[in-house]
Amino acid sequence: MEPIQVAGITFRLDPGKPLYEQIVDQVQGALARGDVNLNERLPSVRELAQLLKVNPNTVMRAYQDLERGGLLMTYRGQGTFTTDKPEPVERLKQDLACRAIAQLVTEMRRLGFSREQALTLFEEVKWS
């Protein structure tokens, strides 16, 4: 499926993975990167479902998960918005960073690096 740009979020859906999880992941990624602003209106469930060519229940489930996580707010008659508070987004960024670091540590262990070697390598690479 070709990428679809909606409200600052680029959706790339892979039919081999649960669609609602992909929608959640891509909205979270856009929020974490700052591609979407705080308190920004998102497309309605129906609008996004039509654009992505998915069942509206799929989008509703994703929006509900994001709302439970404090990242979205839905106001009756007004629509769905990203959170207006920076704290949930900061928690999300920390969580995403921890997951990425955990994957890196797992791969470095697989490659046979010691903790000290990994830290040395990380210091060398740092922010170059």
N, C-alpha and C. Protein backbone atom coordinates (compact mmCIF):
# COMPACT_ATOMS: atom_id res chain seq x y z
N MET A 1 0.85 -1.19 0.00
CA MET A 1 0.00 0.00 0.00
C MET A 1 0.89 1.25 0.00
N GLU A 2 0.53 2.20 -0.81
CA GLU A 2 1.26 3.46 -0.89
C GLU A 2 1.07 4.25 0.40
N PRO A 3 2.10 4.97 0.86
CA PRO A 3 1.94 5.81 2.05
C PRO A 3 0.86 6.87 1.84
N ILE A 4 0.13 7.15 2.91
CA ILE A 4 -0.92 8.16 2.87
C ILE A 4 -0.62 9.18 3.96
N GLN A 5 -0.55 10.46 3.58
CA GLN A 5 -0.27 11.54 4.52
C GLN A 5 -1.59 12.15 4.99
N VAL A 6 -1.82 12.11 6.30
CA VAL A 6 -3.05 12.66 6.87
C VAL A 6 -2.70 13.40 8.16
N ALA A 7 -3.01 14.68 8.22
CA ALA A 7 -2.83 15.48 9.44
C ALA A 7 -1.43 15.35 10.02
N GLY A 8 -0.42 15.38 9.17
CA GLY A 8 0.96 15.30 9.64
C GLY A 8 1.45 13.89 9.94
N ILE A 9 0.61 12.90 9.71
CA ILE A 9 0.97 11.50 9.98
C ILE A 9 1.06 10.76 8.66
N THR A 10 2.15 10.07 8.45
CA THR A 10 2.29 9.24 7.25
C THR A 10 1.93 7.82 7.62
N PHE A 11 0.86 7.33 7.03
CA PHE A 11 0.40 5.97 7.28
C PHE A 11 0.93 5.05 6.20
N ARG A 12 1.65 4.01 6.62
CA ARG A 12 2.13 2.95 5.73
C ARG A 12 1.59 1.66 6.32
N LEU A 13 0.58 1.10 5.70
CA LEU A 13 -0.05 -0.09 6.26
C LEU A 13 0.45 -1.35 5.57
N ASP A 14 0.77 -2.34 6.39
CA ASP A 14 1.24 -3.64 5.92
C ASP A 14 0.13 -4.64 6.22
N PRO A 15 -0.47 -5.25 5.18
CA PRO A 15 -1.58 -6.17 5.42
C PRO A 15 -1.19 -7.40 6.24
N GLY A 16 0.09 -7.63 6.44
CA GLY A 16 0.55 -8.78 7.22
C GLY A 16 0.55 -8.56 8.72
N LYS A 17 0.25 -7.34 9.17
CA LYS A 17 0.24 -7.02 10.60
C LYS A 17 -1.13 -6.48 10.97
N PRO A 18 -1.53 -6.61 12.25
CA PRO A 18 -2.83 -6.05 12.65
C PRO A 18 -2.88 -4.55 12.33
N LEU A 19 -3.91 -4.17 11.59
CA LEU A 19 -4.01 -2.78 11.11
C LEU A 19 -4.17 -1.78 12.25
N TYR A 20 -4.98 -2.13 13.26
CA TYR A 20 -5.19 -1.16 14.34
C TYR A 20 -3.88 -0.89 15.08
N GLU A 21 -3.03 -1.93 15.24
CA GLU A 21 -1.74 -1.73 15.90
C GLU A 21 -0.84 -0.81 15.08
N GLN A 22 -0.90 -0.95 13.76
CA GLN A 22 -0.10 -0.08 12.89
C GLN A 22 -0.57 1.37 12.99
N ILE A 23 -1.88 1.56 13.06
CA ILE A 23 -2.41 2.92 13.20
C ILE A 23 -1.94 3.52 14.52
N VAL A 24 -2.04 2.73 15.61
CA VAL A 24 -1.57 3.19 16.92
C VAL A 24 -0.09 3.55 16.85
N ASP A 25 0.72 2.64 16.31
CA ASP A 25 2.17 2.87 16.23
C ASP A 25 2.51 4.12 15.44
N GLN A 26 1.80 4.33 14.34
CA GLN A 26 2.14 5.45 13.47
C GLN A 26 1.68 6.79 14.05
N VAL A 27 0.56 6.79 14.76
CA VAL A 27 0.14 8.01 15.45
C VAL A 27 1.11 8.30 16.60
N GLN A 28 1.48 7.26 17.35
CA GLN A 28 2.45 7.45 18.43
C GLN A 28 3.77 8.00 17.90
N GLY A 29 4.25 7.42 16.81
CA GLY A 29 5.51 7.88 16.23
C GLY A 29 5.44 9.33 15.80
N ALA A 30 4.33 9.72 15.19
CA ALA A 30 4.17 11.11 14.75
C ALA A 30 4.14 12.06 15.94
N LEU A 31 3.47 11.67 17.01
CA LEU A 31 3.45 12.50 18.23
C LEU A 31 4.84 12.60 18.84
N ALA A 32 5.54 11.48 18.93
CA ALA A 32 6.86 11.47 19.55
C ALA A 32 7.86 12.32 18.76
N ARG A 33 7.76 12.28 17.45
CA ARG A 33 8.68 13.06 16.60
C ARG A 33 8.30 14.53 16.50
N GLY A 34 7.09 14.86 16.93
CA GLY A 34 6.62 16.24 16.81
C GLY A 34 6.02 16.54 15.44
N ASP A 35 5.71 15.50 14.67
CA ASP A 35 5.08 15.70 13.36
C ASP A 35 3.64 16.19 13.52
N VAL A 36 3.06 15.91 14.68
CA VAL A 36 1.70 16.33 15.01
C VAL A 36 1.79 17.17 16.27
N ASN A 37 1.11 18.28 16.30
CA ASN A 37 1.14 19.19 17.44
C ASN A 37 0.21 18.73 18.55
N LEU A 38 0.44 19.26 19.75
CA LEU A 38 -0.50 19.05 20.84
C LEU A 38 -1.81 19.73 20.48
N ASN A 39 -2.91 19.12 20.89
CA ASN A 39 -4.26 19.65 20.68
C ASN A 39 -4.58 19.86 19.20
N GLU A 40 -4.07 18.99 18.36
CA GLU A 40 -4.35 19.06 16.92
C GLU A 40 -5.49 18.11 16.58
N ARG A 41 -6.41 18.61 15.78
CA ARG A 41 -7.56 17.80 15.38
C ARG A 41 -7.12 16.73 14.39
N LEU A 42 -7.60 15.50 14.63
CA LEU A 42 -7.34 14.39 13.72
C LEU A 42 -8.60 14.11 12.91
N PRO A 43 -8.46 13.38 11.82
CA PRO A 43 -9.65 13.03 11.04
C PRO A 43 -10.61 12.19 11.88
N SER A 44 -11.87 12.27 11.55
CA SER A 44 -12.85 11.44 12.24
C SER A 44 -12.57 9.97 11.94
N VAL A 45 -13.17 9.10 12.72
CA VAL A 45 -13.02 7.66 12.49
C VAL A 45 -13.42 7.32 11.07
N ARG A 46 -14.56 7.82 10.64
CA ARG A 46 -15.05 7.53 9.29
C ARG A 46 -14.11 8.07 8.22
N GLU A 47 -13.64 9.31 8.39
CA GLU A 47 -12.73 9.92 7.40
C GLU A 47 -11.44 9.12 7.26
N LEU A 48 -10.84 8.77 8.40
CA LEU A 48 -9.57 8.04 8.35
C LEU A 48 -9.78 6.64 7.78
N ALA A 49 -10.88 6.01 8.15
CA ALA A 49 -11.17 4.67 7.62
C ALA A 49 -11.30 4.72 6.10
N GLN A 50 -11.98 5.74 5.58
CA GLN A 50 -12.12 5.86 4.13
C GLN A 50 -10.78 6.12 3.45
N LEU A 51 -9.97 6.99 4.03
CA LEU A 51 -8.67 7.30 3.45
C LEU A 51 -7.74 6.08 3.43
N LEU A 52 -7.78 5.31 4.52
CA LEU A 52 -6.90 4.14 4.64
C LEU A 52 -7.51 2.88 4.04
N LYS A 53 -8.79 2.98 3.66
CA LYS A 53 -9.51 1.83 3.10
C LYS A 53 -9.54 0.66 4.09
N VAL A 54 -9.91 0.99 5.33
CA VAL A 54 -10.05 -0.02 6.37
C VAL A 54 -11.43 0.12 7.01
N ASN A 55 -11.81 -0.87 7.79
CA ASN A 55 -13.09 -0.84 8.48
C ASN A 55 -13.06 0.26 9.55
N PRO A 56 -14.13 1.03 9.69
CA PRO A 56 -14.17 2.07 10.73
C PRO A 56 -13.91 1.52 12.14
N ASN A 57 -14.30 0.27 12.39
CA ASN A 57 -14.05 -0.33 13.71
C ASN A 57 -12.55 -0.44 14.00
N THR A 58 -11.76 -0.62 12.95
CA THR A 58 -10.30 -0.70 13.10
C THR A 58 -9.76 0.63 13.59
N VAL A 59 -10.20 1.71 12.97
CA VAL A 59 -9.75 3.05 13.37
C VAL A 59 -10.28 3.37 14.76
N MET A 60 -11.53 3.01 15.04
CA MET A 60 -12.12 3.28 16.35
C MET A 60 -11.31 2.58 17.45
N ARG A 61 -10.94 1.33 17.20
CA ARG A 61 -10.15 0.58 18.18
C ARG A 61 -8.80 1.26 18.43
N ALA A 62 -8.15 1.70 17.36
CA ALA A 62 -6.86 2.40 17.49
C ALA A 62 -7.03 3.70 18.27
N TYR A 63 -8.03 4.48 17.92
CA TYR A 63 -8.28 5.74 18.63
C TYR A 63 -8.57 5.48 20.11
N GLN A 64 -9.34 4.44 20.41
CA GLN A 64 -9.66 4.12 21.81
C GLN A 64 -8.40 3.74 22.58
N ASP A 65 -7.51 2.95 21.96
CA ASP A 65 -6.25 2.59 22.61
C ASP A 65 -5.42 3.84 22.90
N LEU A 66 -5.35 4.73 21.92
CA LEU A 66 -4.58 5.96 22.08
C LEU A 66 -5.21 6.87 23.14
N GLU A 67 -6.53 6.86 23.22
CA GLU A 67 -7.22 7.66 24.22
C GLU A 67 -6.95 7.11 25.62
N ARG A 68 -6.99 5.78 25.76
CA ARG A 68 -6.68 5.16 27.05
C ARG A 68 -5.25 5.48 27.49
N GLY A 69 -4.35 5.62 26.53
CA GLY A 69 -2.97 5.96 26.83
C GLY A 69 -2.75 7.44 27.08
N GLY A 70 -3.81 8.23 27.02
CA GLY A 70 -3.71 9.66 27.30
C GLY A 70 -3.18 10.49 26.14
N LEU A 71 -3.10 9.88 24.95
CA LEU A 71 -2.53 10.59 23.80
C LEU A 71 -3.58 11.27 22.93
N LEU A 72 -4.82 10.80 22.99
CA LEU A 72 -5.91 11.41 22.23
C LEU A 72 -7.05 11.77 23.17
N MET A 73 -7.86 12.73 22.74
CA MET A 73 -9.07 13.13 23.46
C MET A 73 -10.18 13.25 22.43
N THR A 74 -11.34 12.72 22.75
CA THR A 74 -12.48 12.84 21.85
C THR A 74 -13.55 13.68 22.54
N TYR A 75 -14.01 14.69 21.84
CA TYR A 75 -15.06 15.57 22.35
C TYR A 75 -16.29 15.39 21.47
N ARG A 76 -17.38 15.04 22.09
CA ARG A 76 -18.62 14.83 21.36
C ARG A 76 -18.97 16.09 20.57
N GLY A 77 -19.20 15.90 19.29
CA GLY A 77 -19.59 17.00 18.42
C GLY A 77 -18.43 17.85 17.91
N GLN A 78 -17.22 17.62 18.43
CA GLN A 78 -16.06 18.42 17.99
C GLN A 78 -15.00 17.59 17.29
N GLY A 79 -14.88 16.33 17.68
CA GLY A 79 -13.91 15.46 17.01
C GLY A 79 -12.86 14.90 17.95
N THR A 80 -11.84 14.32 17.34
CA THR A 80 -10.74 13.70 18.08
C THR A 80 -9.50 14.57 17.92
N PHE A 81 -8.84 14.82 19.04
CA PHE A 81 -7.67 15.69 19.08
C PHE A 81 -6.52 14.97 19.78
N THR A 82 -5.31 15.37 19.43
CA THR A 82 -4.17 14.90 20.20
C THR A 82 -4.23 15.56 21.57
N THR A 83 -3.58 14.97 22.54
CA THR A 83 -3.59 15.52 23.89
C THR A 83 -3.10 16.96 23.90
N ASP A 84 -3.60 17.71 24.86
CA ASP A 84 -3.12 19.09 25.01
C ASP A 84 -2.05 19.19 26.08
N LYS A 85 -1.66 18.04 26.65
CA LYS A 85 -0.66 18.00 27.72
C LYS A 85 0.64 17.37 27.21
N PRO A 86 1.78 17.96 27.52
CA PRO A 86 3.04 17.39 27.04
C PRO A 86 3.47 16.11 27.78
N GLU A 87 2.98 15.90 29.00
CA GLU A 87 3.45 14.77 29.82
C GLU A 87 3.22 13.41 29.16
N PRO A 88 2.02 13.12 28.62
CA PRO A 88 1.85 11.80 27.99
C PRO A 88 2.79 11.60 26.79
N VAL A 89 3.08 12.66 26.08
CA VAL A 89 3.97 12.55 24.92
C VAL A 89 5.40 12.30 25.40
N GLU A 90 5.80 12.96 26.48
CA GLU A 90 7.14 12.72 27.04
C GLU A 90 7.27 11.29 27.54
N ARG A 91 6.22 10.77 28.19
CA ARG A 91 6.24 9.36 28.64
C ARG A 91 6.36 8.43 27.44
N LEU A 92 5.63 8.74 26.38
CA LEU A 92 5.68 7.94 25.16
C LEU A 92 7.09 7.94 24.59
N LYS A 93 7.71 9.11 24.51
CA LYS A 93 9.07 9.20 23.97
C LYS A 93 10.04 8.37 24.79
N GLN A 94 9.91 8.44 26.11
CA GLN A 94 10.76 7.63 27.00
C GLN A 94 10.54 6.14 26.73
N ASP A 95 9.29 5.75 26.60
CA ASP A 95 8.95 4.34 26.36
C ASP A 95 9.52 3.87 25.03
N LEU A 96 9.35 4.66 23.99
CA LEU A 96 9.87 4.29 22.67
C LEU A 96 11.40 4.20 22.69
N ALA A 97 12.05 5.13 23.39
CA ALA A 97 13.51 5.10 23.49
C ALA A 97 13.97 3.86 24.25
N CYS A 98 13.28 3.53 25.34
CA CYS A 98 13.65 2.33 26.12
C CYS A 98 13.50 1.07 25.28
N ARG A 99 12.43 0.99 24.49
CA ARG A 99 12.25 -0.18 23.62
C ARG A 99 13.38 -0.28 22.60
N ALA A 100 13.75 0.86 22.01
CA ALA A 100 14.83 0.86 21.01
C ALA A 100 16.15 0.45 21.65
N ILE A 101 16.41 0.94 22.85
CA ILE A 101 17.65 0.58 23.54
C ILE A 101 17.65 -0.90 23.90
N ALA A 102 16.51 -1.42 24.34
CA ALA A 102 16.42 -2.84 24.68
C ALA A 102 16.71 -3.70 23.45
N GLN A 103 16.20 -3.31 22.29
CA GLN A 103 16.49 -4.05 21.06
C GLN A 103 17.96 -3.98 20.72
N LEU A 104 18.57 -2.81 20.89
CA LEU A 104 19.99 -2.64 20.62
C LEU A 104 20.82 -3.52 21.55
N VAL A 105 20.49 -3.53 22.84
CA VAL A 105 21.22 -4.34 23.81
C VAL A 105 21.09 -5.82 23.46
N THR A 106 19.90 -6.26 23.10
CA THR A 106 19.70 -7.65 22.71
C THR A 106 20.57 -8.02 21.52
N GLU A 107 20.59 -7.16 20.51
CA GLU A 107 21.40 -7.44 19.32
C GLU A 107 22.89 -7.43 19.64
N MET A 108 23.33 -6.51 20.48
CA MET A 108 24.75 -6.46 20.84
C MET A 108 25.16 -7.69 21.63
N ARG A 109 24.28 -8.18 22.50
CA ARG A 109 24.57 -9.43 23.22
C ARG A 109 24.69 -10.59 22.23
N ARG A 110 23.77 -10.61 21.26
CA ARG A 110 23.80 -11.66 20.24
C ARG A 110 25.13 -11.65 19.47
N LEU A 111 25.66 -10.45 19.27
CA LEU A 111 26.92 -10.30 18.55
C LEU A 111 28.14 -10.55 19.43
N GLY A 112 27.90 -10.77 20.72
CA GLY A 112 29.00 -11.11 21.62
C GLY A 112 29.67 -9.95 22.31
N PHE A 113 29.08 -8.76 22.26
CA PHE A 113 29.68 -7.61 22.94
C PHE A 113 29.44 -7.69 24.44
N SER A 114 30.46 -7.32 25.20
CA SER A 114 30.29 -7.18 26.65
C SER A 114 29.63 -5.82 26.91
N ARG A 115 29.19 -5.64 28.15
CA ARG A 115 28.58 -4.35 28.52
C ARG A 115 29.57 -3.21 28.29
N GLU A 116 30.81 -3.44 28.72
CA GLU A 116 31.84 -2.41 28.60
C GLU A 116 32.12 -2.09 27.13
N GLN A 117 32.21 -3.12 26.30
CA GLN A 117 32.45 -2.91 24.86
C GLN A 117 31.30 -2.12 24.24
N ALA A 118 30.08 -2.49 24.63
CA ALA A 118 28.91 -1.80 24.09
C ALA A 118 28.91 -0.33 24.49
N LEU A 119 29.22 -0.05 25.75
CA LEU A 119 29.25 1.34 26.22
C LEU A 119 30.34 2.13 25.52
N THR A 120 31.50 1.50 25.32
CA THR A 120 32.60 2.17 24.61
C THR A 120 32.17 2.51 23.19
N LEU A 121 31.56 1.54 22.52
CA LEU A 121 31.11 1.76 21.15
C LEU A 121 30.05 2.86 21.10
N PHE A 122 29.15 2.83 22.06
CA PHE A 122 28.11 3.85 22.11
C PHE A 122 28.73 5.24 22.28
N GLU A 123 29.72 5.35 23.15
CA GLU A 123 30.40 6.63 23.35
C GLU A 123 31.09 7.10 22.07
N GLU A 124 31.68 6.16 21.32
CA GLU A 124 32.36 6.51 20.08
C GLU A 124 31.37 7.02 19.03
N VAL A 125 30.23 6.35 18.95
CA VAL A 125 29.23 6.70 17.94
C VAL A 125 28.44 7.92 18.38
N LYS A 126 28.05 7.94 19.64
CA LYS A 126 27.25 8.98 20.27
C LYS A 126 26.30 9.68 19.31
N TRP A 127 26.47 10.94 19.06
CA TRP A 127 25.51 11.71 18.26
C TRP A 127 26.11 12.14 16.93
N SER A 128 27.06 11.35 16.42
CA SER A 128 27.70 11.74 15.16
C SER A 128 26.78 11.64 13.97
